[in-house]
Protein backbone atom coordinates (compact mmCIF):
# COMPACT_ATOMS: atom_id res chain seq x y z
CA MET A 1 12.83 15.34 -18.81
CA PHE A 2 12.79 16.45 -15.15
CA GLN A 3 15.17 16.21 -12.21
CA LEU A 4 14.51 13.93 -9.22
CA ASP A 5 16.97 14.60 -6.41
CA GLY A 6 19.42 15.72 -9.09
CA ASN A 7 18.87 12.70 -11.35
CA PRO A 8 17.47 13.20 -14.86
CA ILE A 9 14.16 11.34 -15.36
CA ALA A 10 12.64 10.82 -18.79
CA PHE A 11 8.87 10.51 -19.03
CA SER A 12 6.07 9.85 -21.46
CA LYS A 13 3.02 12.03 -21.96
CA GLY A 14 0.49 11.31 -19.24
CA ASP A 15 3.02 9.96 -16.73
CA SER A 16 2.87 11.12 -13.14
CA ILE A 17 6.10 11.91 -11.32
CA LEU A 18 5.86 8.59 -9.50
CA GLN A 19 5.19 6.59 -12.66
CA ALA A 20 8.14 8.17 -14.44
CA ALA A 21 10.43 7.63 -11.45
CA HIS A 22 9.33 4.00 -11.18
CA LYS A 23 9.98 3.35 -14.87
CA ALA A 24 13.44 4.88 -14.48
CA GLY A 25 14.22 2.65 -11.49
CA TYR A 26 13.99 5.31 -8.77
CA TYR A 27 11.97 4.53 -5.66
CA ILE A 28 9.55 6.97 -4.03
CA PRO A 29 7.88 5.55 -0.88
CA HIS A 30 4.18 4.75 -1.31
CA LEU A 31 1.40 2.45 -0.12
CA CYS A 32 -1.76 3.18 -2.11
CA PHE A 33 -0.09 3.42 -5.55
CA HIS A 34 0.11 0.56 -8.03
CA PRO A 35 1.14 1.10 -11.68
CA ASP A 36 -1.65 -1.18 -12.92
CA PHE A 37 -4.44 0.98 -11.49
CA LYS A 38 -5.61 4.58 -11.36
CA ALA A 39 -3.83 6.64 -8.69
CA HIS A 40 -5.68 7.14 -5.42
CA GLY A 41 -3.51 9.75 -3.68
CA SER A 42 -4.70 8.82 -0.18
CA CYS A 43 -1.68 7.53 1.74
CA ARG A 44 0.38 10.74 1.30
CA LEU A 45 3.64 8.81 1.61
CA CYS A 46 4.69 9.70 -1.92
CA VAL A 47 4.64 13.47 -1.32
CA VAL A 48 7.57 15.25 -2.95
CA ASP A 49 8.80 18.84 -3.02
CA VAL A 50 8.10 20.72 -6.25
CA LYS A 51 8.86 24.44 -6.33
CA GLY A 52 8.70 24.59 -2.55
CA LYS A 53 5.30 22.90 -2.35
CA THR A 54 4.54 19.32 -1.34
CA VAL A 55 2.46 17.34 -3.84
CA SER A 56 1.52 13.68 -4.26
CA ALA A 57 3.94 12.18 -6.77
CA CYS A 58 1.34 9.60 -7.84
CA THR A 59 -1.14 12.26 -9.03
CA GLN A 60 1.17 15.12 -10.04
CA PRO A 61 1.85 15.09 -13.80
CA ALA A 62 5.48 14.95 -14.85
CA GLU A 63 6.57 18.11 -16.62
CA ASP A 64 9.68 19.12 -18.47
CA LYS A 65 12.39 20.90 -16.45
CA LEU A 66 10.70 20.32 -13.07
CA GLU A 67 13.03 20.08 -10.06
CA VAL A 68 11.60 17.44 -7.76
CA TYR A 69 12.97 16.47 -4.35
CA SER A 70 11.97 13.28 -2.58
CA ASP A 71 14.91 12.25 -0.41
CA THR A 72 15.06 15.15 2.06
CA ALA A 73 15.24 15.06 5.85
CA GLU A 74 11.89 16.85 6.13
CA LEU A 75 10.08 14.43 3.83
CA ARG A 76 11.62 11.39 5.51
CA GLN A 77 10.45 12.69 8.89
CA SER A 78 6.96 13.35 7.52
CA ARG A 79 6.76 9.83 6.08
CA LEU A 80 7.96 8.34 9.34
CA ARG A 81 5.20 10.14 11.26
CA LEU A 82 2.59 8.91 8.78
CA ILE A 83 3.81 5.32 9.17
CA GLN A 84 3.77 5.68 12.97
CA LEU A 85 0.19 6.96 12.79
CA LEU A 86 -0.86 3.99 10.64
CA PHE A 87 0.64 1.59 13.17
CA ALA A 88 -1.16 3.37 16.02
CA GLU A 89 -4.48 3.61 14.18
CA GLY A 90 -4.63 -0.05 13.23
CA ASN A 91 -3.69 -3.32 14.85
CA HIS A 92 -0.30 -4.17 13.36
CA TYR A 93 1.58 -6.60 15.57
CA CYS A 94 4.31 -7.77 13.22
CA PRO A 95 5.78 -10.75 15.17
CA SER A 96 2.54 -12.74 14.86
CA CYS A 97 1.30 -11.42 11.51
CA GLU A 98 0.88 -13.88 8.62
CA VAL A 99 2.45 -11.45 6.15
CA SER A 100 5.43 -10.39 8.25
CA GLY A 101 8.36 -10.04 5.88
CA ASN A 102 6.02 -9.64 2.90
CA CYS A 103 4.24 -6.53 4.22
CA GLN A 104 4.83 -3.20 2.55
CA LEU A 105 3.84 -1.22 5.66
CA GLN A 106 6.32 -3.13 7.80
CA ALA A 107 9.06 -2.79 5.17
CA LEU A 108 8.55 0.99 4.96
CA ALA A 109 8.64 1.26 8.75
CA TYR A 110 12.02 -0.48 8.81
CA ASP A 111 13.25 1.60 5.87
CA LEU A 112 12.31 4.88 7.56
CA GLY A 113 13.92 3.89 10.86
CA MET A 114 10.83 3.16 12.96
CA THR A 115 11.91 1.23 16.05
CA HIS A 116 8.93 1.66 18.40
CA TYR A 117 5.44 3.08 18.72
CA HIS A 118 5.62 6.87 18.78
CA TYR A 119 1.88 7.27 19.45
CA ASP A 120 -0.27 5.27 21.83
CA PRO A 121 -2.06 2.49 19.89
CA PHE A 122 -5.80 2.92 19.42
CA SER A 123 -6.19 -0.89 19.62
CA PRO A 124 -9.34 -0.95 17.48
CA LEU A 125 -11.76 -3.85 17.57
CA ARG A 126 -13.56 -3.66 14.25
CA GLN A 127 -15.91 -6.32 12.90
CA GLN A 128 -13.92 -9.10 11.22
CA ASP A 129 -15.34 -11.15 8.35
CA GLY A 130 -14.77 -14.90 8.06
CA SER A 131 -17.88 -15.59 6.02
CA HIS A 132 -16.02 -16.47 2.82
CA SER A 133 -14.91 -20.07 2.29
CA GLN A 134 -11.40 -19.07 1.12
CA LEU A 135 -10.70 -15.58 2.47
CA PHE A 136 -10.61 -13.90 5.87
CA ILE A 137 -10.85 -10.13 6.35
CA ASP A 138 -8.99 -8.55 9.28
CA GLN A 139 -10.46 -5.04 9.36
CA ASP A 140 -8.06 -3.95 12.11
CA ARG A 141 -5.19 -4.10 9.62
CA CYS A 142 -6.87 -2.20 6.76
CA ILE A 143 -5.06 1.05 5.84
CA GLN A 144 -7.82 2.18 3.44
CA CYS A 145 -5.58 2.26 0.37
CA ASP A 146 -8.49 0.98 -1.79
CA LEU A 147 -6.16 -1.19 -3.87
CA CYS A 148 -8.53 -4.14 -3.48
CA GLY A 149 -11.42 -1.97 -4.62
CA ARG A 150 -9.57 -0.70 -7.68
CA ALA A 151 -8.33 -4.18 -8.59
CA SER A 152 -11.82 -5.65 -8.16
CA GLN A 153 -13.39 -2.97 -10.32
CA GLU A 154 -10.74 -2.41 -12.98
CA GLN A 155 -9.30 -5.90 -13.47
CA ASP A 156 -11.61 -8.50 -11.92
CA LEU A 157 -14.67 -6.57 -13.20
CA LYS A 158 -16.59 -7.53 -10.06
CA SER A 159 -16.61 -4.39 -7.85
CA VAL A 160 -16.71 -6.52 -4.70
CA TYR A 161 -14.66 -4.29 -2.38
CA LEU A 162 -15.19 -0.62 -1.56
CA LEU A 163 -14.51 1.95 1.14
CA ALA A 164 -17.63 3.00 3.02
CA GLY A 165 -18.28 5.56 5.76
CA ARG A 166 -16.61 8.90 6.29
CA GLY A 167 -13.79 10.26 8.45
CA GLN A 168 -12.88 7.98 11.33
CA ASP A 169 -15.77 5.70 10.38
CA THR A 170 -14.27 4.86 6.96
CA HIS A 171 -13.93 1.10 6.59
CA LEU A 172 -13.62 -1.68 4.04
CA ALA A 173 -17.03 -2.92 2.89
CA PHE A 174 -18.43 -5.48 0.45
CA ARG A 175 -21.21 -5.20 -2.12
CA SER A 176 -23.66 -7.86 -0.97
CA HIS A 177 -27.19 -8.00 0.43
CA ASN A 178 -25.92 -8.56 3.99
CA GLY A 179 -22.58 -6.75 3.78
CA GLN A 180 -20.53 -9.94 4.12
CA LEU A 181 -17.76 -11.06 1.77
CA GLY A 182 -19.16 -14.60 1.70
CA SER A 183 -22.29 -13.34 -0.03
CA THR A 184 -20.35 -11.85 -2.95
CA ASN A 185 -18.80 -13.52 -5.99
CA ALA A 186 -15.28 -12.89 -4.65
CA SER A 187 -12.77 -15.62 -5.40
CA MET A 188 -9.32 -16.58 -4.20
CA ASP A 189 -8.27 -16.29 -7.85
CA ASP A 190 -9.19 -12.58 -8.02
CA ARG A 191 -6.38 -10.05 -8.33
CA ALA A 192 -8.06 -8.13 -5.50
CA ALA A 193 -7.51 -11.04 -3.13
CA HIS A 194 -3.72 -10.73 -3.45
CA ILE A 195 -2.99 -7.03 -3.84
CA CYS A 196 -3.36 -5.89 -0.23
CA PRO A 197 -0.05 -4.27 0.88
CA VAL A 198 -0.68 -5.29 4.51
CA GLY A 199 -2.44 -8.22 6.20
CA CYS A 200 -6.10 -7.26 5.79
CA ILE A 201 -7.14 -9.80 3.12
CA LEU A 202 -5.85 -13.23 4.07
CA PRO A 203 -6.23 -16.73 2.62
CA LYS A 204 -7.77 -19.17 5.08
CA ALA A 205 -5.32 -21.87 3.96
CA GLY A 206 -1.58 -21.70 3.38
CA ASN A 207 -0.66 -18.87 5.74
CA TYR A 208 2.98 -18.53 6.84
CA PRO A 209 4.19 -20.15 3.56
CA ASP A 210 7.66 -18.58 3.69
CA ILE A 211 10.15 -19.20 6.46
CA ALA A 212 11.79 -16.26 8.23
CA GLY A 213 14.77 -15.04 6.27
CA GLU A 214 13.27 -16.01 2.90
CA ARG A 215 10.43 -13.50 2.73
CA LEU A 216 10.22 -10.64 0.25
CA TYR A 217 11.75 -7.90 2.39
CA ASP A 218 13.92 -10.04 4.70
CA LYS A 219 17.13 -9.62 2.71
CA ILE A 220 16.68 -6.50 0.58
CA PRO A 221 15.19 -3.19 1.84
CA ILE A 222 12.07 -1.98 0.07
CA HIS A 223 13.75 1.10 -1.43
CA THR A 224 16.10 -1.13 -3.44
CA GLN A 225 13.27 -3.26 -4.84
CA GLY A 226 11.13 -0.69 -6.63
CA ASN A 227 7.42 -1.42 -6.37
CA HIS A 228 7.46 -5.01 -5.11
CA ARG A 229 4.17 -6.00 -3.53
CA ARG A 230 2.59 -8.91 -1.75
CA ASP A 231 0.59 -9.68 -4.87
CA GLU A 232 0.20 -12.88 -6.86
CA GLY A 233 1.73 -14.97 -4.10
CA GLY A 234 4.07 -12.26 -2.84
CA GLN A 235 6.05 -11.78 -6.02
CA ASP A 236 4.35 -8.96 -7.89
CA GLU A 237 7.07 -6.94 -9.56
CA PRO A 238 5.64 -4.47 -12.07
């Protein structure tokens, strides 16, 4: 057992701090983590304080008698800055977005008190992909969490999606002869097509299915809902 912000957390062998906290019903902010897939550790939102050092809760093994702190002013400020950077780096205009109200990035921004752009937007214009008959890819919204890649590889057993490039040139790519999603065996029925925490992978039909006020995060803040995701029609609740 370890302590999370003064609360005792039981864990099983092999659990990370984040997995144990999630099982116990305690929320640690995150974007790239999903309990069904191997931890990625890229978004850095789940960093916690352990013995005066910040570590990723999704990759740090739970250990007996650890004192872990997640809900501190310093960590909340750090997470807010990371969210603000993600909004500036991408093209996230919530009022017109198809997943507004079901978006984990938007929900975390509200939860952390983001009210405006802190950094000037980069306003990227990356190559979009509408080659697939059922799915549209908006690269400007991708936050490089690789959840689609992990879902495609580990559950769909297709390995359609991947992150390519390095540094600022990192981008979502597709394993096909011409680099287009339409030339892969991707399907609307794939888990990977529904696991995106933002609005990068979109169905071509049936957008805006939920009216304002009835969407996933409209009524209940994300920190009270555990690890809800816009997955399997917006109702993934591991």
